[in-house]
Amino acid sequence: MPTAVITGAAGAIGSVTAEVFADAGWDLALIDIGDENCAFLEASFPEAQVVDTDLTDEDASREAFAEIAAEAETLDAVLALAGGFAMQPATEATADDYQHMMGLNVRTLFHTARAAVPVLTRADHSVLLGVSAPAALDGQAQAALYGASKAAVASYLKSLGKEEREAGLRTTVLYPMGVVDTPDNRAAMPDADPAGWVAPRQLAEHMLHAATRSPRGHVPELKVHAT
């Protein structure tokens, strides 16, 4: 069976993605941080390998993927879903805001890729997917740092894909084109109608589609709209 690594696996998108891939017959290695998150994953996915890792730490990231690779024959997909969101006016953002946003969205992907690529490319063909955002394409008021970090995610993945194509690695940039219907977003916007939001399960099913294409059907960018 193919194996998928999912980072940020305890999150609203990550946990649904784990369900979709498990239902499709994939073995799972699930990465998140903290006892509570990992206990949730172990209870929800008892057959999965669960690793507690801070992906903003390079050494910890390498150790996590070495641990995963020791148990898996090959790693066929890495879904880099770890990340975060914050808002502040562009000129009022602080250096700490910058470090925080870039750390959550870019550093976690950077460390994931550096640790995963040597293992992923052992497979005949494999995929590394990361999550960008509409703010990376068109900007977003009050979210300049978030948009900049997600633009960096997209550019890094596209560049990595060009470098590693001959080794059998494909990269995919996922764009949820709107608000994602998560408990946190519902709590933050109680008066909004979530019927027009992007469903996490739809994102997960599109990720499964991208991960199961052959090199002749590669999906380099994937924009998912609610309507």
N, C-alpha and C. Protein backbone atom coordinates (compact mmCIF):
# COMPACT_ATOMS: atom_id res chain seq x y z
N MET A 1 0.84 -1.20 0.00
CA MET A 1 0.00 0.00 0.00
C MET A 1 0.87 1.25 0.00
N PRO A 2 0.42 2.30 -0.66
CA PRO A 2 1.20 3.54 -0.63
C PRO A 2 1.14 4.19 0.74
N THR A 3 2.12 5.02 1.02
CA THR A 3 2.21 5.70 2.31
C THR A 3 2.19 7.21 2.11
N ALA A 4 1.39 7.89 2.92
CA ALA A 4 1.33 9.35 2.90
C ALA A 4 1.74 9.89 4.26
N VAL A 5 2.56 10.92 4.24
CA VAL A 5 2.88 11.68 5.44
C VAL A 5 2.03 12.95 5.40
N ILE A 6 1.36 13.24 6.50
CA ILE A 6 0.56 14.45 6.60
C ILE A 6 1.08 15.27 7.76
N THR A 7 1.50 16.50 7.50
CA THR A 7 1.91 17.40 8.57
C THR A 7 0.71 18.27 8.96
N GLY A 8 0.73 18.75 10.21
CA GLY A 8 -0.45 19.46 10.69
C GLY A 8 -1.66 18.55 10.73
N ALA A 9 -1.42 17.27 11.03
CA ALA A 9 -2.44 16.24 10.83
C ALA A 9 -3.60 16.32 11.82
N ALA A 10 -3.42 16.99 12.95
CA ALA A 10 -4.50 17.09 13.92
C ALA A 10 -5.43 18.26 13.63
N GLY A 11 -5.09 19.09 12.67
CA GLY A 11 -5.91 20.24 12.34
C GLY A 11 -7.19 19.85 11.63
N ALA A 12 -8.04 20.84 11.41
CA ALA A 12 -9.34 20.58 10.79
C ALA A 12 -9.19 20.01 9.38
N ILE A 13 -8.24 20.52 8.62
CA ILE A 13 -8.01 19.99 7.27
C ILE A 13 -7.20 18.70 7.34
N GLY A 14 -6.17 18.69 8.17
CA GLY A 14 -5.30 17.53 8.24
C GLY A 14 -6.01 16.27 8.69
N SER A 15 -6.89 16.38 9.69
CA SER A 15 -7.56 15.18 10.19
C SER A 15 -8.55 14.62 9.18
N VAL A 16 -9.24 15.50 8.46
CA VAL A 16 -10.15 15.03 7.42
C VAL A 16 -9.35 14.39 6.27
N THR A 17 -8.23 14.99 5.95
CA THR A 17 -7.38 14.43 4.90
C THR A 17 -6.89 13.04 5.28
N ALA A 18 -6.52 12.88 6.54
CA ALA A 18 -6.10 11.55 7.00
C ALA A 18 -7.23 10.54 6.84
N GLU A 19 -8.46 10.94 7.15
CA GLU A 19 -9.61 10.05 6.97
C GLU A 19 -9.78 9.63 5.51
N VAL A 20 -9.69 10.61 4.62
CA VAL A 20 -9.90 10.33 3.19
C VAL A 20 -8.82 9.40 2.66
N PHE A 21 -7.56 9.63 3.03
CA PHE A 21 -6.48 8.78 2.54
C PHE A 21 -6.57 7.38 3.17
N ALA A 22 -6.94 7.30 4.45
CA ALA A 22 -7.08 6.00 5.09
C ALA A 22 -8.20 5.20 4.42
N ASP A 23 -9.31 5.86 4.13
CA ASP A 23 -10.43 5.19 3.47
C ASP A 23 -10.05 4.70 2.08
N ALA A 24 -9.08 5.38 1.45
CA ALA A 24 -8.63 4.98 0.12
C ALA A 24 -7.55 3.89 0.16
N GLY A 25 -7.22 3.45 1.37
CA GLY A 25 -6.28 2.33 1.50
C GLY A 25 -4.83 2.71 1.70
N TRP A 26 -4.55 3.97 2.00
CA TRP A 26 -3.17 4.40 2.21
C TRP A 26 -2.75 4.12 3.64
N ASP A 27 -1.47 3.78 3.81
CA ASP A 27 -0.85 3.83 5.13
C ASP A 27 -0.54 5.28 5.46
N LEU A 28 -0.55 5.61 6.76
CA LEU A 28 -0.40 7.00 7.17
C LEU A 28 0.74 7.17 8.16
N ALA A 29 1.48 8.26 8.00
CA ALA A 29 2.39 8.77 9.01
C ALA A 29 1.95 10.20 9.29
N LEU A 30 1.59 10.47 10.53
CA LEU A 30 0.94 11.73 10.88
C LEU A 30 1.83 12.54 11.81
N ILE A 31 2.11 13.77 11.40
CA ILE A 31 2.99 14.65 12.17
C ILE A 31 2.18 15.82 12.72
N ASP A 32 2.33 16.06 14.01
CA ASP A 32 1.80 17.28 14.63
C ASP A 32 2.65 17.54 15.87
N ILE A 33 2.30 18.57 16.61
CA ILE A 33 3.10 18.94 17.77
C ILE A 33 2.23 18.98 19.01
N GLY A 34 2.75 18.43 20.11
CA GLY A 34 2.06 18.51 21.38
C GLY A 34 1.36 17.22 21.77
N ASP A 35 1.30 16.97 23.07
CA ASP A 35 0.70 15.73 23.58
C ASP A 35 -0.77 15.61 23.20
N GLU A 36 -1.51 16.72 23.31
CA GLU A 36 -2.95 16.66 23.04
C GLU A 36 -3.22 16.32 21.58
N ASN A 37 -2.51 16.97 20.66
CA ASN A 37 -2.71 16.69 19.24
C ASN A 37 -2.35 15.25 18.91
N CYS A 38 -1.24 14.79 19.45
CA CYS A 38 -0.80 13.43 19.11
C CYS A 38 -1.70 12.37 19.74
N ALA A 39 -2.22 12.65 20.94
CA ALA A 39 -3.16 11.71 21.55
C ALA A 39 -4.43 11.62 20.71
N PHE A 40 -4.89 12.75 20.19
CA PHE A 40 -6.06 12.74 19.31
C PHE A 40 -5.80 11.89 18.07
N LEU A 41 -4.64 12.05 17.47
CA LEU A 41 -4.32 11.29 16.26
C LEU A 41 -4.19 9.80 16.55
N GLU A 42 -3.58 9.46 17.65
CA GLU A 42 -3.42 8.05 18.00
C GLU A 42 -4.77 7.38 18.25
N ALA A 43 -5.70 8.13 18.86
CA ALA A 43 -7.03 7.58 19.12
C ALA A 43 -7.85 7.49 17.83
N SER A 44 -7.68 8.46 16.95
CA SER A 44 -8.48 8.51 15.72
C SER A 44 -7.95 7.59 14.64
N PHE A 45 -6.63 7.38 14.63
CA PHE A 45 -6.00 6.58 13.57
C PHE A 45 -5.04 5.58 14.22
N PRO A 46 -5.58 4.55 14.85
CA PRO A 46 -4.74 3.63 15.64
C PRO A 46 -3.71 2.86 14.82
N GLU A 47 -3.93 2.76 13.51
CA GLU A 47 -2.97 2.03 12.69
C GLU A 47 -1.89 2.94 12.10
N ALA A 48 -2.01 4.24 12.31
CA ALA A 48 -1.05 5.19 11.73
C ALA A 48 0.17 5.35 12.64
N GLN A 49 1.27 5.73 12.04
CA GLN A 49 2.45 6.14 12.79
C GLN A 49 2.30 7.61 13.13
N VAL A 50 2.33 7.96 14.40
CA VAL A 50 2.14 9.34 14.84
C VAL A 50 3.46 9.85 15.42
N VAL A 51 3.89 11.02 14.93
CA VAL A 51 5.17 11.59 15.36
C VAL A 51 4.95 13.01 15.86
N ASP A 52 5.41 13.26 17.08
CA ASP A 52 5.31 14.58 17.71
C ASP A 52 6.56 15.38 17.35
N THR A 53 6.38 16.40 16.51
CA THR A 53 7.55 17.11 15.97
C THR A 53 7.25 18.59 15.79
N ASP A 54 8.23 19.41 16.13
CA ASP A 54 8.18 20.84 15.83
C ASP A 54 8.88 21.06 14.50
N LEU A 55 8.09 21.29 13.45
CA LEU A 55 8.67 21.43 12.10
C LEU A 55 9.37 22.75 11.88
N THR A 56 9.31 23.67 12.83
CA THR A 56 10.13 24.87 12.71
C THR A 56 11.57 24.59 13.13
N ASP A 57 11.82 23.40 13.67
CA ASP A 57 13.16 22.97 14.09
C ASP A 57 13.73 22.01 13.05
N GLU A 58 14.85 22.37 12.44
CA GLU A 58 15.40 21.56 11.35
C GLU A 58 15.82 20.18 11.82
N ASP A 59 16.53 20.08 12.94
CA ASP A 59 16.99 18.78 13.40
C ASP A 59 15.82 17.87 13.76
N ALA A 60 14.81 18.44 14.41
CA ALA A 60 13.64 17.65 14.78
C ALA A 60 12.90 17.15 13.54
N SER A 61 12.87 17.98 12.50
CA SER A 61 12.21 17.58 11.26
C SER A 61 12.94 16.41 10.61
N ARG A 62 14.25 16.48 10.57
CA ARG A 62 15.03 15.38 9.98
C ARG A 62 14.85 14.10 10.78
N GLU A 63 14.84 14.21 12.10
CA GLU A 63 14.65 13.03 12.93
C GLU A 63 13.28 12.41 12.71
N ALA A 64 12.27 13.25 12.53
CA ALA A 64 10.91 12.75 12.32
C ALA A 64 10.83 11.94 11.04
N PHE A 65 11.39 12.46 9.96
CA PHE A 65 11.30 11.74 8.68
C PHE A 65 12.19 10.52 8.66
N ALA A 66 13.30 10.56 9.39
CA ALA A 66 14.13 9.36 9.50
C ALA A 66 13.37 8.26 10.24
N GLU A 67 12.63 8.64 11.28
CA GLU A 67 11.82 7.68 12.03
C GLU A 67 10.72 7.10 11.15
N ILE A 68 10.08 7.95 10.36
CA ILE A 68 9.01 7.49 9.48
C ILE A 68 9.58 6.57 8.40
N ALA A 69 10.69 6.98 7.79
CA ALA A 69 11.28 6.20 6.71
C ALA A 69 11.75 4.83 7.18
N ALA A 70 12.11 4.72 8.45
CA ALA A 70 12.57 3.44 8.98
C ALA A 70 11.45 2.41 9.01
N GLU A 71 10.19 2.87 9.03
CA GLU A 71 9.06 1.94 9.09
C GLU A 71 8.35 1.77 7.76
N ALA A 72 8.58 2.67 6.80
CA ALA A 72 7.87 2.61 5.52
C ALA A 72 8.81 2.15 4.42
N GLU A 73 8.31 1.30 3.53
CA GLU A 73 9.12 0.85 2.41
C GLU A 73 9.43 2.02 1.48
N THR A 74 8.43 2.79 1.15
CA THR A 74 8.61 4.02 0.39
C THR A 74 7.62 5.04 0.92
N LEU A 75 7.92 6.30 0.70
CA LEU A 75 6.96 7.37 1.00
C LEU A 75 6.48 7.92 -0.33
N ASP A 76 5.21 7.80 -0.57
CA ASP A 76 4.66 8.14 -1.88
C ASP A 76 4.10 9.54 -1.95
N ALA A 77 3.72 10.11 -0.80
CA ALA A 77 3.18 11.47 -0.79
C ALA A 77 3.48 12.13 0.55
N VAL A 78 3.83 13.38 0.49
CA VAL A 78 3.91 14.22 1.69
C VAL A 78 2.96 15.38 1.48
N LEU A 79 2.01 15.52 2.37
CA LEU A 79 1.03 16.60 2.33
C LEU A 79 1.39 17.57 3.44
N ALA A 80 2.02 18.66 3.04
CA ALA A 80 2.54 19.64 4.00
C ALA A 80 1.43 20.64 4.34
N LEU A 81 0.62 20.27 5.32
CA LEU A 81 -0.54 21.06 5.69
C LEU A 81 -0.30 21.93 6.92
N ALA A 82 0.82 21.78 7.57
CA ALA A 82 1.12 22.61 8.74
C ALA A 82 1.23 24.07 8.31
N GLY A 83 0.67 24.96 9.09
CA GLY A 83 0.73 26.39 8.77
C GLY A 83 -0.18 27.17 9.67
N GLY A 84 -0.34 28.46 9.36
CA GLY A 84 -1.17 29.30 10.21
C GLY A 84 -1.57 30.58 9.53
N PHE A 85 -2.43 31.34 10.20
CA PHE A 85 -2.99 32.57 9.65
C PHE A 85 -3.00 33.63 10.73
N ALA A 86 -2.73 34.87 10.34
CA ALA A 86 -2.83 36.01 11.25
C ALA A 86 -3.08 37.25 10.42
N MET A 87 -3.70 38.24 11.04
CA MET A 87 -4.01 39.49 10.34
C MET A 87 -3.42 40.66 11.11
N GLN A 88 -2.92 41.63 10.37
CA GLN A 88 -2.48 42.90 10.92
C GLN A 88 -2.23 43.84 9.73
N PRO A 89 -2.40 45.17 9.91
CA PRO A 89 -2.10 46.09 8.82
C PRO A 89 -0.63 45.95 8.39
N ALA A 90 -0.39 46.09 7.11
CA ALA A 90 0.94 45.83 6.56
C ALA A 90 2.03 46.65 7.25
N THR A 91 1.79 47.94 7.47
CA THR A 91 2.84 48.79 8.03
C THR A 91 2.87 48.77 9.55
N GLU A 92 1.92 48.10 10.16
CA GLU A 92 1.93 47.99 11.62
C GLU A 92 2.45 46.63 12.08
N ALA A 93 2.69 45.71 11.13
CA ALA A 93 3.25 44.41 11.48
C ALA A 93 4.64 44.58 12.06
N THR A 94 4.96 43.78 13.03
CA THR A 94 6.25 43.86 13.70
C THR A 94 7.21 42.79 13.17
N ALA A 95 8.46 42.91 13.57
CA ALA A 95 9.43 41.88 13.20
C ALA A 95 9.03 40.54 13.79
N ASP A 96 8.44 40.55 14.97
CA ASP A 96 7.96 39.29 15.56
C ASP A 96 6.81 38.70 14.74
N ASP A 97 5.91 39.58 14.26
CA ASP A 97 4.83 39.09 13.39
C ASP A 97 5.40 38.43 12.14
N TYR A 98 6.42 39.06 11.58
CA TYR A 98 7.06 38.52 10.38
C TYR A 98 7.67 37.15 10.66
N GLN A 99 8.44 37.06 11.74
CA GLN A 99 9.08 35.79 12.07
C GLN A 99 8.05 34.71 12.34
N HIS A 100 6.96 35.08 13.01
CA HIS A 100 5.93 34.10 13.33
C HIS A 100 5.26 33.56 12.08
N MET A 101 4.87 34.45 11.17
CA MET A 101 4.13 34.03 9.97
C MET A 101 5.02 33.23 9.03
N MET A 102 6.24 33.71 8.83
CA MET A 102 7.16 32.98 7.96
C MET A 102 7.55 31.63 8.58
N GLY A 103 7.65 31.60 9.89
CA GLY A 103 7.98 30.34 10.55
C GLY A 103 6.89 29.30 10.37
N LEU A 104 5.63 29.71 10.58
CA LEU A 104 4.52 28.77 10.47
C LEU A 104 4.34 28.24 9.06
N ASN A 105 4.48 29.12 8.08
CA ASN A 105 4.11 28.73 6.72
C ASN A 105 5.29 28.36 5.82
N VAL A 106 6.41 29.05 5.97
CA VAL A 106 7.54 28.80 5.07
C VAL A 106 8.58 27.89 5.72
N ARG A 107 8.96 28.18 6.95
CA ARG A 107 9.99 27.36 7.57
C ARG A 107 9.54 25.92 7.73
N THR A 108 8.28 25.71 8.10
CA THR A 108 7.80 24.34 8.26
C THR A 108 7.86 23.58 6.94
N LEU A 109 7.50 24.24 5.84
CA LEU A 109 7.58 23.60 4.52
C LEU A 109 9.04 23.35 4.14
N PHE A 110 9.88 24.33 4.35
CA PHE A 110 11.30 24.21 4.01
C PHE A 110 11.93 23.02 4.72
N HIS A 111 11.70 22.92 6.02
CA HIS A 111 12.28 21.80 6.78
C HIS A 111 11.66 20.48 6.37
N THR A 112 10.35 20.49 6.10
CA THR A 112 9.69 19.27 5.63
C THR A 112 10.31 18.79 4.32
N ALA A 113 10.47 19.70 3.38
CA ALA A 113 11.01 19.32 2.07
C ALA A 113 12.44 18.80 2.19
N ARG A 114 13.27 19.48 2.95
CA ARG A 114 14.66 19.06 3.09
C ARG A 114 14.76 17.67 3.72
N ALA A 115 13.87 17.39 4.66
CA ALA A 115 13.90 16.09 5.32
C ALA A 115 13.24 15.01 4.48
N ALA A 116 12.22 15.37 3.71
CA ALA A 116 11.41 14.37 3.01
C ALA A 116 11.94 14.00 1.64
N VAL A 117 12.50 14.95 0.92
CA VAL A 117 12.85 14.70 -0.48
C VAL A 117 13.80 13.51 -0.66
N PRO A 118 14.83 13.34 0.15
CA PRO A 118 15.70 12.18 -0.06
C PRO A 118 14.96 10.85 0.09
N VAL A 119 13.90 10.83 0.86
CA VAL A 119 13.13 9.61 1.06
C VAL A 119 12.06 9.47 -0.02
N LEU A 120 11.39 10.57 -0.34
CA LEU A 120 10.35 10.53 -1.36
C LEU A 120 10.87 10.06 -2.70
N THR A 121 12.04 10.49 -3.07
CA THR A 121 12.54 10.17 -4.39
C THR A 121 13.05 8.74 -4.50
N ARG A 122 12.94 7.94 -3.44
CA ARG A 122 13.20 6.51 -3.55
C ARG A 122 12.06 5.83 -4.30
N ALA A 123 10.86 6.42 -4.24
CA ALA A 123 9.72 5.84 -4.93
C ALA A 123 9.84 6.08 -6.43
N ASP A 124 9.13 5.27 -7.24
CA ASP A 124 9.16 5.47 -8.68
C ASP A 124 8.65 6.84 -9.06
N HIS A 125 7.58 7.25 -8.42
CA HIS A 125 7.11 8.64 -8.56
C HIS A 125 6.35 8.99 -7.29
N SER A 126 6.49 10.23 -6.87
CA SER A 126 5.94 10.66 -5.59
C SER A 126 5.56 12.12 -5.69
N VAL A 127 4.83 12.60 -4.67
CA VAL A 127 4.33 13.96 -4.71
C VAL A 127 4.53 14.64 -3.37
N LEU A 128 4.89 15.90 -3.43
CA LEU A 128 4.96 16.77 -2.25
C LEU A 128 3.99 17.92 -2.50
N LEU A 129 2.98 18.02 -1.65
CA LEU A 129 1.94 19.04 -1.81
C LEU A 129 1.99 20.01 -0.65
N GLY A 130 1.84 21.30 -0.97
CA GLY A 130 1.76 22.33 0.06
C GLY A 130 0.59 23.24 -0.21
N VAL A 131 0.23 24.03 0.80
CA VAL A 131 -0.98 24.85 0.73
C VAL A 131 -0.62 26.33 0.63
N SER A 132 -1.11 26.97 -0.43
CA SER A 132 -0.99 28.41 -0.58
C SER A 132 -2.35 29.04 -0.29
N ALA A 133 -2.64 30.20 -0.88
CA ALA A 133 -3.88 30.91 -0.57
C ALA A 133 -4.15 31.97 -1.63
N PRO A 134 -5.41 32.40 -1.78
CA PRO A 134 -5.71 33.49 -2.71
C PRO A 134 -4.91 34.76 -2.41
N ALA A 135 -4.60 34.99 -1.13
CA ALA A 135 -3.82 36.18 -0.77
C ALA A 135 -2.44 36.17 -1.42
N ALA A 136 -1.94 34.98 -1.76
CA ALA A 136 -0.65 34.89 -2.44
C ALA A 136 -0.74 35.32 -3.89
N LEU A 137 -1.94 35.26 -4.46
CA LEU A 137 -2.15 35.60 -5.87
C LEU A 137 -2.50 37.07 -6.05
N ASP A 138 -3.38 37.57 -5.20
CA ASP A 138 -3.91 38.93 -5.39
C ASP A 138 -3.70 39.86 -4.22
N GLY A 139 -3.05 39.38 -3.16
CA GLY A 139 -2.92 40.19 -1.96
C GLY A 139 -4.22 40.16 -1.16
N GLN A 140 -4.12 40.62 0.08
CA GLN A 140 -5.30 40.70 0.94
C GLN A 140 -5.09 41.78 1.98
N ALA A 141 -6.01 42.72 2.04
CA ALA A 141 -5.91 43.78 3.04
C ALA A 141 -5.86 43.18 4.43
N GLN A 142 -5.03 43.75 5.27
CA GLN A 142 -4.85 43.32 6.65
C GLN A 142 -4.17 41.96 6.79
N ALA A 143 -3.63 41.46 5.69
CA ALA A 143 -2.97 40.15 5.76
C ALA A 143 -1.76 40.08 4.85
N ALA A 144 -0.98 41.15 4.83
CA ALA A 144 0.17 41.20 3.92
C ALA A 144 1.20 40.12 4.23
N LEU A 145 1.50 39.92 5.49
CA LEU A 145 2.51 38.91 5.83
C LEU A 145 2.01 37.51 5.53
N TYR A 146 0.74 37.26 5.80
CA TYR A 146 0.17 35.96 5.46
C TYR A 146 0.26 35.72 3.96
N GLY A 147 -0.14 36.70 3.16
CA GLY A 147 -0.07 36.56 1.71
C GLY A 147 1.35 36.35 1.22
N ALA A 148 2.29 37.11 1.81
CA ALA A 148 3.69 36.96 1.40
C ALA A 148 4.22 35.58 1.73
N SER A 149 3.85 35.06 2.90
CA SER A 149 4.33 33.73 3.28
C SER A 149 3.75 32.65 2.37
N LYS A 150 2.49 32.81 2.00
CA LYS A 150 1.86 31.82 1.13
C LYS A 150 2.37 31.93 -0.31
N ALA A 151 2.75 33.13 -0.72
CA ALA A 151 3.39 33.27 -2.04
C ALA A 151 4.74 32.57 -2.04
N ALA A 152 5.45 32.67 -0.93
CA ALA A 152 6.74 31.97 -0.82
C ALA A 152 6.54 30.46 -0.86
N VAL A 153 5.49 29.97 -0.23
CA VAL A 153 5.17 28.54 -0.28
C VAL A 153 5.00 28.09 -1.73
N ALA A 154 4.21 28.83 -2.49
CA ALA A 154 3.94 28.45 -3.87
C ALA A 154 5.22 28.48 -4.71
N SER A 155 5.99 29.53 -4.59
CA SER A 155 7.21 29.65 -5.39
C SER A 155 8.23 28.57 -5.03
N TYR A 156 8.36 28.29 -3.75
CA TYR A 156 9.30 27.26 -3.33
C TYR A 156 8.91 25.90 -3.91
N LEU A 157 7.63 25.56 -3.82
CA LEU A 157 7.19 24.26 -4.33
C LEU A 157 7.38 24.15 -5.84
N LYS A 158 7.05 25.21 -6.56
CA LYS A 158 7.20 25.17 -8.02
C LYS A 158 8.67 25.01 -8.40
N SER A 159 9.54 25.71 -7.70
CA SER A 159 10.98 25.61 -7.99
C SER A 159 11.51 24.22 -7.64
N LEU A 160 11.08 23.71 -6.50
CA LEU A 160 11.50 22.36 -6.10
C LEU A 160 11.06 21.33 -7.13
N GLY A 161 9.85 21.49 -7.63
CA GLY A 161 9.36 20.55 -8.64
C GLY A 161 10.20 20.54 -9.89
N LYS A 162 10.66 21.70 -10.31
CA LYS A 162 11.51 21.77 -11.50
C LYS A 162 12.86 21.08 -11.24
N GLU A 163 13.37 21.22 -10.04
CA GLU A 163 14.67 20.62 -9.72
C GLU A 163 14.60 19.10 -9.61
N GLU A 164 13.52 18.59 -9.06
CA GLU A 164 13.45 17.17 -8.70
C GLU A 164 12.64 16.33 -9.67
N ARG A 165 12.17 16.92 -10.76
CA ARG A 165 11.30 16.19 -11.69
C ARG A 165 11.95 14.92 -12.21
N GLU A 166 13.22 15.01 -12.59
CA GLU A 166 13.90 13.85 -13.16
C GLU A 166 14.11 12.73 -12.13
N ALA A 167 14.06 13.09 -10.85
CA ALA A 167 14.20 12.08 -9.80
C ALA A 167 12.87 11.43 -9.45
N GLY A 168 11.81 11.85 -10.11
CA GLY A 168 10.51 11.23 -9.89
C GLY A 168 9.60 11.97 -8.94
N LEU A 169 10.02 13.14 -8.45
CA LEU A 169 9.21 13.90 -7.51
C LEU A 169 8.40 14.96 -8.24
N ARG A 170 7.09 14.98 -7.97
CA ARG A 170 6.21 16.03 -8.47
C ARG A 170 5.78 16.90 -7.29
N THR A 171 5.53 18.16 -7.55
CA THR A 171 5.02 19.04 -6.50
C THR A 171 3.68 19.62 -6.94
N THR A 172 2.83 19.86 -5.96
CA THR A 172 1.51 20.42 -6.19
C THR A 172 1.26 21.55 -5.21
N VAL A 173 0.75 22.66 -5.71
CA VAL A 173 0.35 23.79 -4.87
C VAL A 173 -1.17 23.79 -4.80
N LEU A 174 -1.70 23.67 -3.59
CA LEU A 174 -3.14 23.68 -3.37
C LEU A 174 -3.57 25.08 -2.95
N TYR A 175 -4.59 25.60 -3.63
CA TYR A 175 -5.16 26.91 -3.29
C TYR A 175 -6.62 26.72 -2.86
N PRO A 176 -6.93 26.75 -1.57
CA PRO A 176 -8.34 26.83 -1.17
C PRO A 176 -8.85 28.24 -1.50
N MET A 177 -9.72 28.35 -2.48
CA MET A 177 -10.10 29.66 -3.01
C MET A 177 -11.29 30.24 -2.25
N GLY A 178 -11.06 30.49 -0.98
CA GLY A 178 -12.09 31.06 -0.13
C GLY A 178 -11.88 30.61 1.30
N VAL A 179 -12.80 31.02 2.17
CA VAL A 179 -12.74 30.62 3.58
C VAL A 179 -12.98 29.12 3.67
N VAL A 180 -12.16 28.44 4.47
CA VAL A 180 -12.35 27.00 4.68
C VAL A 180 -13.27 26.81 5.88
N ASP A 181 -14.21 25.89 5.74
CA ASP A 181 -15.23 25.66 6.76
C ASP A 181 -14.65 24.84 7.90
N THR A 182 -14.02 25.53 8.85
CA THR A 182 -13.44 24.88 10.03
C THR A 182 -14.13 25.41 11.28
N PRO A 183 -14.04 24.68 12.40
CA PRO A 183 -14.62 25.17 13.65
C PRO A 183 -14.08 26.55 14.05
N ASP A 184 -12.79 26.78 13.86
CA ASP A 184 -12.20 28.07 14.23
C ASP A 184 -12.80 29.20 13.39
N ASN A 185 -12.96 28.96 12.09
CA ASN A 185 -13.52 30.00 11.24
C ASN A 185 -15.00 30.26 11.55
N ARG A 186 -15.72 29.22 11.89
CA ARG A 186 -17.12 29.42 12.29
C ARG A 186 -17.20 30.24 13.57
N ALA A 187 -16.30 29.97 14.51
CA ALA A 187 -16.30 30.72 15.76
C ALA A 187 -15.90 32.17 15.54
N ALA A 188 -14.95 32.39 14.61
CA ALA A 188 -14.49 33.76 14.34
C ALA A 188 -15.49 34.58 13.55
N MET A 189 -16.36 33.91 12.78
CA MET A 189 -17.33 34.61 11.93
C MET A 189 -18.73 34.03 12.15
N PRO A 190 -19.27 34.21 13.35
CA PRO A 190 -20.54 33.55 13.68
C PRO A 190 -21.74 34.01 12.84
N ASP A 191 -21.64 35.18 12.24
CA ASP A 191 -22.77 35.69 11.45
C ASP A 191 -22.66 35.36 9.96
N ALA A 192 -21.57 34.73 9.56
CA ALA A 192 -21.37 34.39 8.15
C ALA A 192 -22.09 33.09 7.81
N ASP A 193 -22.37 32.90 6.53
CA ASP A 193 -23.03 31.68 6.05
C ASP A 193 -21.97 30.73 5.52
N PRO A 194 -21.67 29.64 6.23
CA PRO A 194 -20.61 28.73 5.78
C PRO A 194 -20.97 27.92 4.55
N ALA A 195 -22.21 28.06 4.06
CA ALA A 195 -22.59 27.31 2.86
C ALA A 195 -21.73 27.72 1.66
N GLY A 196 -21.19 28.90 1.68
CA GLY A 196 -20.34 29.36 0.59
C GLY A 196 -18.86 29.18 0.85
N TRP A 197 -18.51 28.45 1.89
CA TRP A 197 -17.12 28.22 2.22
C TRP A 197 -16.63 26.90 1.62
N VAL A 198 -15.32 26.73 1.59
CA VAL A 198 -14.72 25.51 1.04
C VAL A 198 -14.74 24.41 2.12
N ALA A 199 -15.26 23.25 1.75
CA ALA A 199 -15.34 22.14 2.70
C ALA A 199 -14.01 21.41 2.80
N PRO A 200 -13.52 21.14 4.02
CA PRO A 200 -12.27 20.39 4.17
C PRO A 200 -12.26 19.06 3.44
N ARG A 201 -13.39 18.35 3.42
CA ARG A 201 -13.42 17.06 2.74
C ARG A 201 -13.19 17.23 1.24
N GLN A 202 -13.69 18.29 0.66
CA GLN A 202 -13.45 18.53 -0.76
C GLN A 202 -11.97 18.78 -1.01
N LEU A 203 -11.33 19.54 -0.13
CA LEU A 203 -9.88 19.74 -0.25
C LEU A 203 -9.16 18.40 -0.17
N ALA A 204 -9.56 17.58 0.79
CA ALA A 204 -8.89 16.28 0.98
C ALA A 204 -9.07 15.39 -0.24
N GLU A 205 -10.26 15.37 -0.80
CA GLU A 205 -10.50 14.52 -1.97
C GLU A 205 -9.72 15.01 -3.18
N HIS A 206 -9.56 16.30 -3.32
CA HIS A 206 -8.72 16.83 -4.40
C HIS A 206 -7.25 16.49 -4.17
N MET A 207 -6.81 16.50 -2.91
CA MET A 207 -5.43 16.11 -2.62
C MET A 207 -5.20 14.65 -2.98
N LEU A 208 -6.17 13.81 -2.66
CA LEU A 208 -6.05 12.40 -3.02
C LEU A 208 -5.96 12.25 -4.54
N HIS A 209 -6.76 13.00 -5.26
CA HIS A 209 -6.70 12.96 -6.72
C HIS A 209 -5.30 13.33 -7.21
N ALA A 210 -4.75 14.43 -6.67
CA ALA A 210 -3.42 14.87 -7.11
C ALA A 210 -2.35 13.84 -6.77
N ALA A 211 -2.49 13.20 -5.62
CA ALA A 211 -1.47 12.24 -5.17
C ALA A 211 -1.51 10.94 -5.95
N THR A 212 -2.62 10.65 -6.62
CA THR A 212 -2.75 9.38 -7.32
C THR A 212 -2.60 9.51 -8.83
N ARG A 213 -2.22 10.68 -9.31
CA ARG A 213 -1.98 10.82 -10.75
C ARG A 213 -0.60 10.26 -11.09
N SER A 214 -0.48 9.72 -12.28
CA SER A 214 0.83 9.31 -12.79
C SER A 214 1.58 10.55 -13.26
N PRO A 215 2.87 10.43 -13.53
CA PRO A 215 3.60 11.58 -14.05
C PRO A 215 2.98 12.16 -15.31
N ARG A 216 2.25 11.36 -16.07
CA ARG A 216 1.63 11.87 -17.30
C ARG A 216 0.34 12.62 -17.02
N GLY A 217 -0.11 12.60 -15.77
CA GLY A 217 -1.32 13.32 -15.40
C GLY A 217 -1.10 14.23 -14.20
N HIS A 218 0.12 14.74 -14.08
CA HIS A 218 0.51 15.55 -12.92
C HIS A 218 -0.36 16.80 -12.80
N VAL A 219 -0.72 17.13 -11.56
CA VAL A 219 -1.51 18.34 -11.26
C VAL A 219 -0.60 19.31 -10.51
N PRO A 220 0.04 20.26 -11.19
CA PRO A 220 0.99 21.15 -10.52
C PRO A 220 0.33 22.20 -9.64
N GLU A 221 -0.86 22.65 -10.03
CA GLU A 221 -1.60 23.63 -9.22
C GLU A 221 -3.05 23.19 -9.14
N LEU A 222 -3.65 23.41 -7.98
CA LEU A 222 -5.01 22.92 -7.75
C LEU A 222 -5.78 24.00 -7.00
N LYS A 223 -6.71 24.65 -7.69
CA LYS A 223 -7.54 25.68 -7.07
C LYS A 223 -8.92 25.09 -6.79
N VAL A 224 -9.31 25.12 -5.53
CA VAL A 224 -10.57 24.52 -5.11
C VAL A 224 -11.52 25.63 -4.67
N HIS A 225 -12.64 25.74 -5.37
CA HIS A 225 -13.65 26.76 -5.09
C HIS A 225 -14.87 26.11 -4.44
N ALA A 226 -15.57 26.88 -3.61
CA ALA A 226 -16.81 26.38 -3.01
C ALA A 226 -17.95 26.46 -4.01
N THR A 227 -17.95 27.47 -4.85
CA THR A 227 -19.04 27.63 -5.83
C THR A 227 -18.46 27.99 -7.18
